[in-house]
PDB file of N, CA and C in Angstrom:
ATOM      1  N   ARG A   1       0.847  -1.055  -0.075  1.00  0.00           N
ATOM      2  CA  ARG A   1       0.096  -0.148  -0.133  1.00  0.00           C
ATOM      3  C   ARG A   1       0.870   1.217  -0.013  1.00  0.00           C
ATOM      4  N   ASP A   2       0.225   2.407  -0.603  1.00  0.00           N
ATOM      5  CA  ASP A   2       1.081   3.431  -0.510  1.00  0.00           C
ATOM      6  C   ASP A   2       0.923   4.511   0.666  1.00  0.00           C
ATOM      7  N   ASP A   3       1.154   5.634   0.783  1.00  0.00           N
ATOM      8  CA  ASP A   3       1.008   6.410   2.054  1.00  0.00           C
ATOM      9  C   ASP A   3      -0.221   6.900   2.240  1.00  0.00           C
ATOM     10  N   ARG A   4      -1.311   6.865   1.126  1.00  0.00           N
ATOM     11  CA  ARG A   4      -2.617   6.928   1.023  1.00  0.00           C
ATOM     12  C   ARG A   4      -3.455   6.063   1.446  1.00  0.00           C
ATOM     13  N   GLY A   5      -2.891   4.758   1.741  1.00  0.00           N
ATOM     14  CA  GLY A   5      -3.463   3.451   1.999  1.00  0.00           C
ATOM     15  C   GLY A   5      -4.095   2.733   0.673  1.00  0.00           C
ATOM     16  N   ASN A   6      -3.760   3.233  -0.518  1.00  0.00           N
ATOM     17  CA  ASN A   6      -4.430   2.727  -1.514  1.00  0.00           C
ATOM     18  C   ASN A   6      -3.561   1.249  -1.843  1.00  0.00           C
ATOM     19  N   PRO A   7      -4.162   0.282  -2.413  1.00  0.00           N
ATOM     20  CA  PRO A   7      -3.239  -0.928  -2.720  1.00  0.00           C
ATOM     21  C   PRO A   7      -2.547  -0.949  -4.063  1.00  0.00           C
ATOM     22  N   ALA A   8      -1.569  -1.689  -4.024  1.00  0.00           N
ATOM     23  CA  ALA A   8      -0.712  -1.671  -5.330  1.00  0.00           C
ATOM     24  C   ALA A   8      -1.407  -1.867  -6.565  1.00  0.00           C
ATOM     25  N   THR A   9      -1.284  -1.174  -7.615  1.00  0.00           N
ATOM     26  CA  THR A   9      -1.781  -1.454  -8.813  1.00  0.00           C
ATOM     27  C   THR A   9      -0.872  -1.172  -9.905  1.00  0.00           C
ATOM     28  N   LYS A  10      -1.195  -1.564 -11.015  1.00  0.00           N
ATOM     29  CA  LYS A  10      -0.103  -1.349 -12.165  1.00  0.00           C
ATOM     30  C   LYS A  10      -0.180   0.313 -12.608  1.00  0.00           C
ATOM     31  N   ASN A  11      -1.126   1.003 -12.182  1.00  0.00           N
ATOM     32  CA  ASN A  11      -1.247   2.378 -12.399  1.00  0.00           C
ATOM     33  C   ASN A  11      -0.923   3.364 -11.433  1.00  0.00           C
ATOM     34  N   LEU A  12       0.110   4.286 -11.561  1.00  0.00           N
ATOM     35  CA  LEU A  12       0.474   5.349 -10.923  1.00  0.00           C
ATOM     36  C   LEU A  12       0.005   6.629 -10.995  1.00  0.00           C
ATOM     37  N   PHE A  13      -0.523   7.327  -9.676  1.00  0.00           N
ATOM     38  CA  PHE A  13      -0.823   8.698  -9.959  1.00  0.00           C
ATOM     39  C   PHE A  13       0.444   9.543  -9.574  1.00  0.00           C
ATOM     40  N   VAL A  14       0.913  10.386 -10.387  1.00  0.00           N
ATOM     41  CA  VAL A  14       2.206  11.008 -10.306  1.00  0.00           C
ATOM     42  C   VAL A  14       1.797  12.664 -10.223  1.00  0.00           C
ATOM     43  N   ALA A  15       2.367  13.254  -9.376  1.00  0.00           N
ATOM     44  CA  ALA A  15       2.333  14.716  -9.134  1.00  0.00           C
ATOM     45  C   ALA A  15       3.619  15.340  -8.407  1.00  0.00           C
ATOM     46  N   GLY A  16       3.447  16.738  -8.564  1.00  0.00           N
ATOM     47  CA  GLY A  16       4.785  17.202  -7.919  1.00  0.00           C
ATOM     48  C   GLY A  16       5.740  17.838  -8.855  1.00  0.00           C
ATOM     49  N   TYR A  17       5.757  17.411 -10.081  1.00  0.00           N
ATOM     50  CA  TYR A  17       6.802  17.763 -11.070  1.00  0.00           C
ATOM     51  C   TYR A  17       6.589  19.038 -11.308  1.00  0.00           C
ATOM     52  N   GLY A  18       7.706  19.755 -11.858  1.00  0.00           N
ATOM     53  CA  GLY A  18       7.782  21.005 -12.115  1.00  0.00           C
ATOM     54  C   GLY A  18       7.132  21.496 -13.399  1.00  0.00           C
ATOM     55  N   PRO A  19       6.879  22.894 -13.480  1.00  0.00           N
ATOM     56  CA  PRO A  19       6.144  23.254 -14.630  1.00  0.00           C
ATOM     57  C   PRO A  19       7.042  23.188 -15.979  1.00  0.00           C
ATOM     58  N   GLY A  20       6.329  22.727 -17.008  1.00  0.00           N
ATOM     59  CA  GLY A  20       6.973  22.388 -18.218  1.00  0.00           C
ATOM     60  C   GLY A  20       7.345  21.021 -18.392  1.00  0.00           C
ATOM     61  N   THR A  21       6.870  20.167 -17.482  1.00  0.00           N
ATOM     62  CA  THR A  21       7.254  18.614 -17.576  1.00  0.00           C
ATOM     63  C   THR A  21       6.291  18.116 -18.534  1.00  0.00           C
ATOM     64  N   THR A  22       6.859  17.327 -19.395  1.00  0.00           N
ATOM     65  CA  THR A  22       6.226  16.903 -20.587  1.00  0.00           C
ATOM     66  C   THR A  22       5.882  15.201 -20.365  1.00  0.00           C
ATOM     67  N   GLU A  23       4.896  14.807 -20.988  1.00  0.00           N
ATOM     68  CA  GLU A  23       4.444  13.492 -21.234  1.00  0.00           C
ATOM     69  C   GLU A  23       5.721  12.559 -21.625  1.00  0.00           C
ATOM     70  N   GLN A  24       6.594  12.854 -22.549  1.00  0.00           N
ATOM     71  CA  GLN A  24       7.711  12.317 -22.955  1.00  0.00           C
ATOM     72  C   GLN A  24       8.768  12.170 -21.849  1.00  0.00           C
ATOM     73  N   GLN A  25       9.137  13.219 -21.100  1.00  0.00           N
ATOM     74  CA  GLN A  25       9.927  13.244 -20.062  1.00  0.00           C
ATOM     75  C   GLN A  25       9.534  12.209 -18.889  1.00  0.00           C
ATOM     76  N   LEU A  26       8.035  12.009 -18.484  1.00  0.00           N
ATOM     77  CA  LEU A  26       7.533  11.125 -17.821  1.00  0.00           C
ATOM     78  C   LEU A  26       7.783   9.658 -18.215  1.00  0.00           C
ATOM     79  N   ARG A  27       7.615   9.634 -19.550  1.00  0.00           N
ATOM     80  CA  ARG A  27       7.786   8.297 -20.172  1.00  0.00           C
ATOM     81  C   ARG A  27       9.234   7.953 -19.839  1.00  0.00           C
ATOM     82  N   GLU A  28      10.246   8.695 -20.320  1.00  0.00           N
ATOM     83  CA  GLU A  28      11.520   8.390 -20.111  1.00  0.00           C
ATOM     84  C   GLU A  28      12.075   7.967 -18.604  1.00  0.00           C
ATOM     85  N   ILE A  29      11.436   8.858 -17.977  1.00  0.00           N
ATOM     86  CA  ILE A  29      11.966   8.562 -16.320  1.00  0.00           C
ATOM     87  C   ILE A  29      11.313   7.215 -15.828  1.00  0.00           C
ATOM     88  N   PHE A  30      10.092   6.876 -16.150  1.00  0.00           N
ATOM     89  CA  PHE A  30       9.469   5.636 -15.455  1.00  0.00           C
ATOM     90  C   PHE A  30       9.871   4.508 -16.423  1.00  0.00           C
ATOM     91  N   SER A  31      10.271   4.656 -17.658  1.00  0.00           N
ATOM     92  CA  SER A  31      10.619   3.584 -18.358  1.00  0.00           C
ATOM     93  C   SER A  31      11.936   3.081 -17.887  1.00  0.00           C
ATOM     94  N   GLN A  32      12.704   3.668 -17.242  1.00  0.00           N
ATOM     95  CA  GLN A  32      13.805   3.099 -16.605  1.00  0.00           C
ATOM     96  C   GLN A  32      13.730   2.010 -15.624  1.00  0.00           C
ATOM     97  N   HIS A  33      12.445   1.783 -15.074  1.00  0.00           N
ATOM     98  CA  HIS A  33      12.022   0.947 -13.899  1.00  0.00           C
ATOM     99  C   HIS A  33      10.969  -0.010 -14.499  1.00  0.00           C
ATOM    100  N   ALA A  34      10.293   0.291 -15.563  1.00  0.00           N
ATOM    101  CA  ALA A  34       8.884  -0.337 -15.787  1.00  0.00           C
ATOM    102  C   ALA A  34       8.582  -0.147 -17.348  1.00  0.00           C
ATOM    103  N   THR A  35       7.942  -1.147 -17.731  1.00  0.00           N
ATOM    104  CA  THR A  35       7.293  -1.104 -19.172  1.00  0.00           C
ATOM    105  C   THR A  35       6.131  -0.176 -19.124  1.00  0.00           C
ATOM    106  N   ILE A  36       6.105   0.904 -19.765  1.00  0.00           N
ATOM    107  CA  ILE A  36       4.918   1.900 -19.700  1.00  0.00           C
ATOM    108  C   ILE A  36       3.908   1.615 -20.877  1.00  0.00           C
ATOM    109  N   VAL A  37       2.805   1.436 -20.512  1.00  0.00           N
ATOM    110  CA  VAL A  37       1.591   1.081 -21.469  1.00  0.00           C
ATOM    111  C   VAL A  37       1.025   2.389 -21.853  1.00  0.00           C
ATOM    112  N   GLY A  38       0.974   3.377 -21.096  1.00  0.00           N
ATOM    113  CA  GLY A  38       0.555   4.678 -21.511  1.00  0.00           C
ATOM    114  C   GLY A  38       0.601   5.818 -20.299  1.00  0.00           C
ATOM    115  N   VAL A  39       0.354   6.997 -20.606  1.00  0.00           N
ATOM    116  CA  VAL A  39       0.506   8.229 -19.825  1.00  0.00           C
ATOM    117  C   VAL A  39      -0.610   9.061 -20.283  1.00  0.00           C
ATOM    118  N   VAL A  40      -1.221   9.495 -19.088  1.00  0.00           N
ATOM    119  CA  VAL A  40      -2.468  10.533 -19.177  1.00  0.00           C
ATOM    120  C   VAL A  40      -2.028  11.508 -18.503  1.00  0.00           C
ATOM    121  N   MET A  41      -1.686  12.801 -19.077  1.00  0.00           N
ATOM    122  CA  MET A  41      -1.025  14.000 -18.420  1.00  0.00           C
ATOM    123  C   MET A  41      -2.341  15.050 -18.379  1.00  0.00           C
ATOM    124  N   LYS A  42      -2.377  15.546 -17.157  1.00  0.00           N
ATOM    125  CA  LYS A  42      -3.593  16.463 -16.768  1.00  0.00           C
ATOM    126  C   LYS A  42      -2.591  17.725 -16.337  1.00  0.00           C
ATOM    127  N   THR A  43      -3.431  18.816 -15.891  1.00  0.00           N
ATOM    128  CA  THR A  43      -2.559  20.084 -15.487  1.00  0.00           C
ATOM    129  C   THR A  43      -1.495  19.849 -14.559  1.00  0.00           C
ATOM    130  N   THR A  44      -1.815  19.408 -13.539  1.00  0.00           N
ATOM    131  CA  THR A  44      -1.016  19.222 -12.350  1.00  0.00           C
ATOM    132  C   THR A  44      -0.567  17.690 -12.026  1.00  0.00           C
ATOM    133  N   PHE A  45      -1.154  16.851 -12.638  1.00  0.00           N
ATOM    134  CA  PHE A  45      -0.730  15.640 -12.350  1.00  0.00           C
ATOM    135  C   PHE A  45      -0.979  14.611 -13.594  1.00  0.00           C
ATOM    136  N   SER A  46      -0.446  13.440 -13.302  1.00  0.00           N
ATOM    137  CA  SER A  46      -0.507  12.381 -14.466  1.00  0.00           C
ATOM    138  C   SER A  46      -0.749  10.977 -14.002  1.00  0.00           C
ATOM    139  N   PHE A  47      -1.158  10.150 -14.824  1.00  0.00           N
ATOM    140  CA  PHE A  47      -1.272   8.824 -14.504  1.00  0.00           C
ATOM    141  C   PHE A  47      -0.533   8.083 -15.441  1.00  0.00           C
ATOM    142  N   VAL A  48       0.432   7.342 -14.765  1.00  0.00           N
ATOM    143  CA  VAL A  48       1.433   6.478 -15.816  1.00  0.00           C
ATOM    144  C   VAL A  48       0.909   4.825 -15.465  1.00  0.00           C
ATOM    145  N   ASN A  49       0.546   4.131 -16.498  1.00  0.00           N
ATOM    146  CA  ASN A  49       0.314   3.034 -16.630  1.00  0.00           C
ATOM    147  C   ASN A  49       1.319   2.091 -16.856  1.00  0.00           C
ATOM    148  N   THR A  50       1.574   1.035 -16.081  1.00  0.00           N
ATOM    149  CA  THR A  50       2.778   0.285 -16.403  1.00  0.00           C
ATOM    150  C   THR A  50       2.247  -1.075 -16.786  1.00  0.00           C
ATOM    151  N   SER A  51       2.984  -2.196 -17.137  1.00  0.00           N
ATOM    152  CA  SER A  51       2.576  -3.437 -17.731  1.00  0.00           C
ATOM    153  C   SER A  51       2.184  -4.324 -16.746  1.00  0.00           C
ATOM    154  N   ASP A  52       2.585  -4.044 -15.428  1.00  0.00           N
ATOM    155  CA  ASP A  52       2.304  -4.831 -14.357  1.00  0.00           C
ATOM    156  C   ASP A  52       2.558  -4.296 -12.927  1.00  0.00           C
ATOM    157  N   ARG A  53       1.975  -4.909 -11.925  1.00  0.00           N
ATOM    158  CA  ARG A  53       1.936  -4.259 -10.621  1.00  0.00           C
ATOM    159  C   ARG A  53       3.341  -4.220 -10.045  1.00  0.00           C
ATOM    160  N   ILE A  54       4.019  -5.329 -10.284  1.00  0.00           N
ATOM    161  CA  ILE A  54       5.332  -5.383  -9.641  1.00  0.00           C
ATOM    162  C   ILE A  54       6.453  -4.225  -9.984  1.00  0.00           C
ATOM    163  N   SER A  55       6.153  -4.085 -11.444  1.00  0.00           N
ATOM    164  CA  SER A  55       6.785  -2.893 -11.983  1.00  0.00           C
ATOM    165  C   SER A  55       6.482  -1.846 -11.335  1.00  0.00           C
ATOM    166  N   ALA A  56       5.188  -1.387 -11.275  1.00  0.00           N
ATOM    167  CA  ALA A  56       4.619  -0.184 -10.703  1.00  0.00           C
ATOM    168  C   ALA A  56       5.255  -0.136  -9.363  1.00  0.00           C
ATOM    169  N   VAL A  57       5.158  -1.013  -8.581  1.00  0.00           N
ATOM    170  CA  VAL A  57       5.725  -0.751  -7.256  1.00  0.00           C
ATOM    171  C   VAL A  57       7.404  -0.475  -7.221  1.00  0.00           C
ATOM    172  N   ASN A  58       8.079  -1.274  -8.097  1.00  0.00           N
ATOM    173  CA  ASN A  58       9.516  -0.969  -8.236  1.00  0.00           C
ATOM    174  C   ASN A  58       9.694   0.559  -8.535  1.00  0.00           C
ATOM    175  N   ALA A  59       8.881   0.889  -9.760  1.00  0.00           N
ATOM    176  CA  ALA A  59       9.031   2.233 -10.091  1.00  0.00           C
ATOM    177  C   ALA A  59       8.678   3.306  -9.038  1.00  0.00           C
ATOM    178  N   ARG A  60       7.666   3.114  -8.379  1.00  0.00           N
ATOM    179  CA  ARG A  60       7.241   4.084  -7.274  1.00  0.00           C
ATOM    180  C   ARG A  60       8.356   4.134  -6.253  1.00  0.00           C
ATOM    181  N   GLU A  61       8.923   2.916  -5.840  1.00  0.00           N
ATOM    182  CA  GLU A  61       9.854   3.009  -4.726  1.00  0.00           C
ATOM    183  C   GLU A  61      11.392   3.632  -5.132  1.00  0.00           C
ATOM    184  N   ALA A  62      11.527   3.394  -6.526  1.00  0.00           N
ATOM    185  CA  ALA A  62      12.894   4.129  -6.873  1.00  0.00           C
ATOM    186  C   ALA A  62      12.704   5.571  -7.304  1.00  0.00           C
ATOM    187  N   LEU A  63      11.427   6.105  -7.757  1.00  0.00           N
ATOM    188  CA  LEU A  63      11.445   7.387  -8.169  1.00  0.00           C
ATOM    189  C   LEU A  63      10.672   8.423  -7.172  1.00  0.00           C
ATOM    190  N   ILE A  64      10.059   7.992  -6.125  1.00  0.00           N
ATOM    191  CA  ILE A  64       9.405   8.809  -5.174  1.00  0.00           C
ATOM    192  C   ILE A  64      10.473   9.737  -4.581  1.00  0.00           C
ATOM    193  N   GLY A  65      10.093  11.112  -4.687  1.00  0.00           N
ATOM    194  CA  GLY A  65      11.122  11.847  -4.263  1.00  0.00           C
ATOM    195  C   GLY A  65      12.059  12.511  -5.127  1.00  0.00           C
ATOM    196  N   SER A  66      12.086  12.011  -6.270  1.00  0.00           N
ATOM    197  CA  SER A  66      13.027  12.532  -7.491  1.00  0.00           C
ATOM    198  C   SER A  66      12.567  13.946  -7.709  1.00  0.00           C
ATOM    199  N   VAL A  67      13.646  14.728  -8.327  1.00  0.00           N
ATOM    200  CA  VAL A  67      13.233  16.079  -8.493  1.00  0.00           C
ATOM    201  C   VAL A  67      13.131  16.073 -10.195  1.00  0.00           C
ATOM    202  N   VAL A  68      11.897  16.726 -10.644  1.00  0.00           N
ATOM    203  CA  VAL A  68      11.792  16.611 -12.049  1.00  0.00           C
ATOM    204  C   VAL A  68      11.285  18.189 -12.333  1.00  0.00           C
ATOM    205  N   ASN A  69      12.206  18.809 -13.045  1.00  0.00           N
ATOM    206  CA  ASN A  69      11.989  20.340 -13.472  1.00  0.00           C
ATOM    207  C   ASN A  69      11.839  21.139 -12.129  1.00  0.00           C
ATOM    208  N   GLY A  70      12.361  20.881 -11.290  1.00  0.00           N
ATOM    209  CA  GLY A  70      12.549  21.699 -10.009  1.00  0.00           C
ATOM    210  C   GLY A  70      11.224  21.186  -8.869  1.00  0.00           C
ATOM    211  N   GLY A  71      10.447  20.356  -9.099  1.00  0.00           N
ATOM    212  CA  GLY A  71       9.455  19.845  -8.524  1.00  0.00           C
ATOM    213  C   GLY A  71       9.789  18.357  -7.921  1.00  0.00           C
ATOM    214  N   VAL A  72       9.399  17.917  -6.815  1.00  0.00           N
ATOM    215  CA  VAL A  72       9.680  16.767  -6.053  1.00  0.00           C
ATOM    216  C   VAL A  72       8.408  15.817  -6.424  1.00  0.00           C
ATOM    217  N   LEU A  73       8.497  14.650  -7.162  1.00  0.00           N
ATOM    218  CA  LEU A  73       7.496  13.734  -7.283  1.00  0.00           C
ATOM    219  C   LEU A  73       6.763  13.193  -6.111  1.00  0.00           C
ATOM    220  N   ARG A  74       5.661  13.134  -6.282  1.00  0.00           N
ATOM    221  CA  ARG A  74       4.760  12.340  -5.262  1.00  0.00           C
ATOM    222  C   ARG A  74       4.241  11.349  -6.215  1.00  0.00           C
ATOM    223  N   ILE A  75       4.216  10.003  -5.659  1.00  0.00           N
ATOM    224  CA  ILE A  75       3.614   8.895  -6.601  1.00  0.00           C
ATOM    225  C   ILE A  75       2.784   8.076  -5.602  1.00  0.00           C
ATOM    226  N   ASN A  76       1.657   7.711  -5.889  1.00  0.00           N
ATOM    227  CA  ASN A  76       0.594   6.860  -5.392  1.00  0.00           C
ATOM    228  C   ASN A  76       0.059   5.916  -6.363  1.00  0.00           C
ATOM    229  N   PHE A  77      -0.472   4.925  -5.824  1.00  0.00           N
ATOM    230  CA  PHE A  77      -1.206   3.839  -6.765  1.00  0.00           C
ATOM    231  C   PHE A  77      -2.478   4.572  -7.069  1.00  0.00           C
ATOM    232  N   ALA A  78      -3.040   4.232  -8.369  1.00  0.00           N
ATOM    233  CA  ALA A  78      -4.263   4.705  -8.722  1.00  0.00           C
ATOM    234  C   ALA A  78      -5.148   3.501  -9.210  1.00  0.00           C
ATOM    235  N   LYS A  79      -6.462   3.638  -9.195  1.00  0.00           N
ATOM    236  CA  LYS A  79      -7.228   2.473  -9.699  1.00  0.00           C
ATOM    237  C   LYS A  79      -6.922   2.001 -11.054  1.00  0.00           C
ATOM    238  N   GLU A  80      -7.402   1.027 -11.328  1.00  0.00           N
ATOM    239  CA  GLU A  80      -6.980   0.418 -12.770  1.00  0.00           C
ATOM    240  C   GLU A  80      -7.732   1.182 -13.734  1.00  0.00           C
ATOM    241  N   SER A  81      -8.833   1.639 -13.624  1.00  0.00           N
ATOM    242  CA  SER A  81      -9.675   2.467 -14.412  1.00  0.00           C
ATOM    243  C   SER A  81     -10.553   3.449 -13.634  1.00  0.00           C
ATOM    244  N   GLY A  82     -10.837   4.519 -14.254  1.00  0.00           N
ATOM    245  CA  GLY A  82     -11.754   5.443 -13.460  1.00  0.00           C
ATOM    246  C   GLY A  82     -11.970   6.743 -14.359  1.00  0.00           C
ATOM    247  N   ARG A  83     -12.683   7.750 -13.843  1.00  0.00           N
ATOM    248  CA  ARG A  83     -13.343   8.843 -14.601  1.00  0.00           C
ATOM    249  C   ARG A  83     -12.136   9.676 -14.785  1.00  0.00           C
ATOM    250  N   LEU A  84     -11.060   9.848 -14.447  1.00  0.00           N
ATOM    251  CA  LEU A  84     -10.143  10.844 -14.870  1.00  0.00           C
ATOM    252  C   LEU A  84      -9.062  10.468 -15.847  1.00  0.00           C
ATOM    253  N   GLY A  85      -9.577   9.473 -16.734  1.00  0.00           N
ATOM    254  CA  GLY A  85      -8.674   8.935 -17.891  1.00  0.00           C
ATOM    255  C   GLY A  85      -7.678   7.819 -17.518  1.00  0.00           C
ATOM    256  N   THR A  86      -7.734   7.138 -16.309  1.00  0.00           N
ATOM    257  CA  THR A  86      -6.829   6.204 -15.935  1.00  0.00           C
ATOM    258  C   THR A  86      -7.131   4.813 -16.661  1.00  0.00           C
ATOM    259  N   SER A  87      -8.138   4.844 -17.238  1.00  0.00           N
ATOM    260  CA  SER A  87      -8.494   3.518 -18.377  1.00  0.00           C
ATOM    261  C   SER A  87      -7.749   3.550 -19.612  1.00  0.00           C
ATOM    262  N   PHE A  88      -7.051   4.621 -19.741  1.00  0.00           N
ATOM    263  CA  PHE A  88      -6.088   4.711 -21.146  1.00  0.00           C
ATOM    264  C   PHE A  88      -7.090   4.420 -22.044  1.00  0.00           C
ATOM    265  N   ASP A  89      -8.267   4.595 -22.464  1.00  0.00           N
ATOM    266  CA  ASP A  89      -9.008   4.510 -23.560  1.00  0.00           C
ATOM    267  C   ASP A  89      -8.888   5.619 -24.388  1.00  0.00           C
ATOM    268  N   SER A  90      -9.345   5.428 -25.619  1.00  0.00           N
ATOM    269  CA  SER A  90      -9.357   6.746 -26.589  1.00  0.00           C
ATOM    270  C   SER A  90     -10.033   7.870 -26.488  1.00  0.00           C
ATOM    271  N   THR A  91     -10.727   7.856 -25.449  1.00  0.00           N
ATOM    272  CA  THR A  91     -11.400   9.236 -25.077  1.00  0.00           C
ATOM    273  C   THR A  91     -10.478  10.194 -24.549  1.00  0.00           C
ATOM    274  N   TYR A  92      -9.353   9.848 -23.818  1.00  0.00           N
ATOM    275  CA  TYR A  92      -8.430  10.902 -23.408  1.00  0.00           C
ATOM    276  C   TYR A  92      -7.244  11.018 -24.456  1.00  0.00           C
ATOM    277  N   GLY A  93      -6.801  10.090 -25.172  1.00  0.00           N
ATOM    278  CA  GLY A  93      -5.880  10.088 -26.120  1.00  0.00           C
ATOM    279  C   GLY A  93      -4.539  10.523 -25.673  1.00  0.00           C
ATOM    280  N   PRO A  94      -3.293  10.699 -26.500  1.00  0.00           N
ATOM    281  CA  PRO A  94      -2.353  11.343 -25.992  1.00  0.00           C
ATOM    282  C   PRO A  94      -2.226  12.897 -25.819  1.00  0.00           C
ATOM    283  N   SER A  95      -1.678  13.295 -24.788  1.00  0.00           N
ATOM    284  CA  SER A  95      -1.677  14.798 -24.520  1.00  0.00           C
ATOM    285  C   SER A  95      -0.356  15.113 -25.317  1.00  0.00           C
ATOM    286  N   SER A  96      -0.597  16.538 -25.765  1.00  0.00           N
ATOM    287  CA  SER A  96       0.416  17.130 -26.510  1.00  0.00           C
ATOM    288  C   SER A  96       1.669  17.392 -25.594  1.00  0.00           C
ATOM    289  N   SER A  97       2.774  17.250 -26.287  1.00  0.00           N
ATOM    290  CA  SER A  97       3.981  17.406 -25.460  1.00  0.00           C
ATOM    291  C   SER A  97       4.760  18.770 -25.967  1.00  0.00           C
ATOM    292  N   VAL A  98       5.451  19.408 -25.075  1.00  0.00           N
ATOM    293  CA  VAL A  98       6.138  20.536 -25.537  1.00  0.00           C
ATOM    294  C   VAL A  98       7.512  19.991 -25.930  1.00  0.00           C
ATOM    295  N   SER A  99       8.556  20.357 -25.433  1.00  0.00           N
ATOM    296  CA  SER A  99       9.820  20.284 -25.569  1.00  0.00           C
ATOM    297  C   SER A  99      10.430  19.075 -24.511  1.00  0.00           C
ATOM    298  N   ALA A 100      11.048  17.974 -24.907  1.00  0.00           N
ATOM    299  CA  ALA A 100      11.641  17.036 -23.988  1.00  0.00           C
ATOM    300  C   ALA A 100      12.838  17.343 -23.671  1.00  0.00           C
ATOM    301  N   GLN A 101      13.447  18.543 -23.984  1.00  0.00           N
ATOM    302  CA  GLN A 101      14.699  18.829 -23.642  1.00  0.00           C
ATOM    303  C   GLN A 101      15.106  19.211 -22.257  1.00  0.00           C
ATOM    304  N   GLN A 102      14.136  19.639 -21.435  1.00  0.00           N
ATOM    305  CA  GLN A 102      14.178  19.921 -20.192  1.00  0.00           C
ATOM    306  C   GLN A 102      14.749  18.894 -19.274  1.00  0.00           C
ATOM    307  N   ARG A 103      15.542  19.134 -18.368  1.00  0.00           N
ATOM    308  CA  ARG A 103      16.542  18.290 -17.694  1.00  0.00           C
ATOM    309  C   ARG A 103      15.635  17.746 -16.404  1.00  0.00           C
ATOM    310  N   TYR A 104      15.932  16.530 -15.846  1.00  0.00           N
ATOM    311  CA  TYR A 104      15.450  16.180 -14.650  1.00  0.00           C
ATOM    312  C   TYR A 104      16.542  15.563 -13.709  1.00  0.00           C
ATOM    313  N   SER A 105      16.381  15.597 -12.631  1.00  0.00           N
ATOM    314  CA  SER A 105      17.503  15.144 -11.705  1.00  0.00           C
ATOM    315  C   SER A 105      16.914  14.048 -10.640  1.00  0.00           C
ATOM    316  N   ARG A 106      17.948  13.346 -10.066  1.00  0.00           N
ATOM    317  CA  ARG A 106      17.484  12.356  -8.950  1.00  0.00           C
ATOM    318  C   ARG A 106      18.106  12.732  -7.822  1.00  0.00           C
ATOM    319  N   HIS A 107      17.543  12.768  -6.623  1.00  0.00           N
ATOM    320  CA  HIS A 107      18.264  12.918  -5.412  1.00  0.00           C
ATOM    321  C   HIS A 107      17.853  11.980  -4.483  1.00  0.00           C
ATOM    322  N   PRO A 108      18.660  11.621  -3.415  1.00  0.00           N
ATOM    323  CA  PRO A 108      18.446  10.565  -2.557  1.00  0.00           C
ATOM    324  C   PRO A 108      17.301  10.780  -1.821  1.00  0.00           C
ATOM    325  N   VAL A 109      16.533   9.645  -1.562  1.00  0.00           N
ATOM    326  CA  VAL A 109      15.337   9.677  -0.663  1.00  0.00           C
ATOM    327  C   VAL A 109      15.705   9.216   0.795  1.00  0.00           C
ATOM    328  N   TYR A 110      15.371  10.082   1.794  1.00  0.00           N
ATOM    329  CA  TYR A 110      15.841   9.844   3.196  1.00  0.00           C
ATOM    330  C   TYR A 110      14.662   9.499   3.784  1.00  0.00           C
TER     331      TYR A 110
END
């Protein structure tokens, strides 16, 4: 379970990244730890869907607290499907990406 008490799923709720963060950046960051099936990016948060629950757990553990474009990632488990686009159906489609050139950095989690 995550810090909100949600059971582990293959779908991650991601927030806290800095302004200008793109879908492509999130894909690159999370793909280092899991196979990414889809990303739904909203204004201040995103859903990252991985291929399996164990990969999502590993990605969350590895990336929670990482700094992306000046913001510290908060990562929790999300429902497998839901009203905010977490079902990864064609209703929500891919979001537009700006430039994937902005940098991100990793800092230790204490």
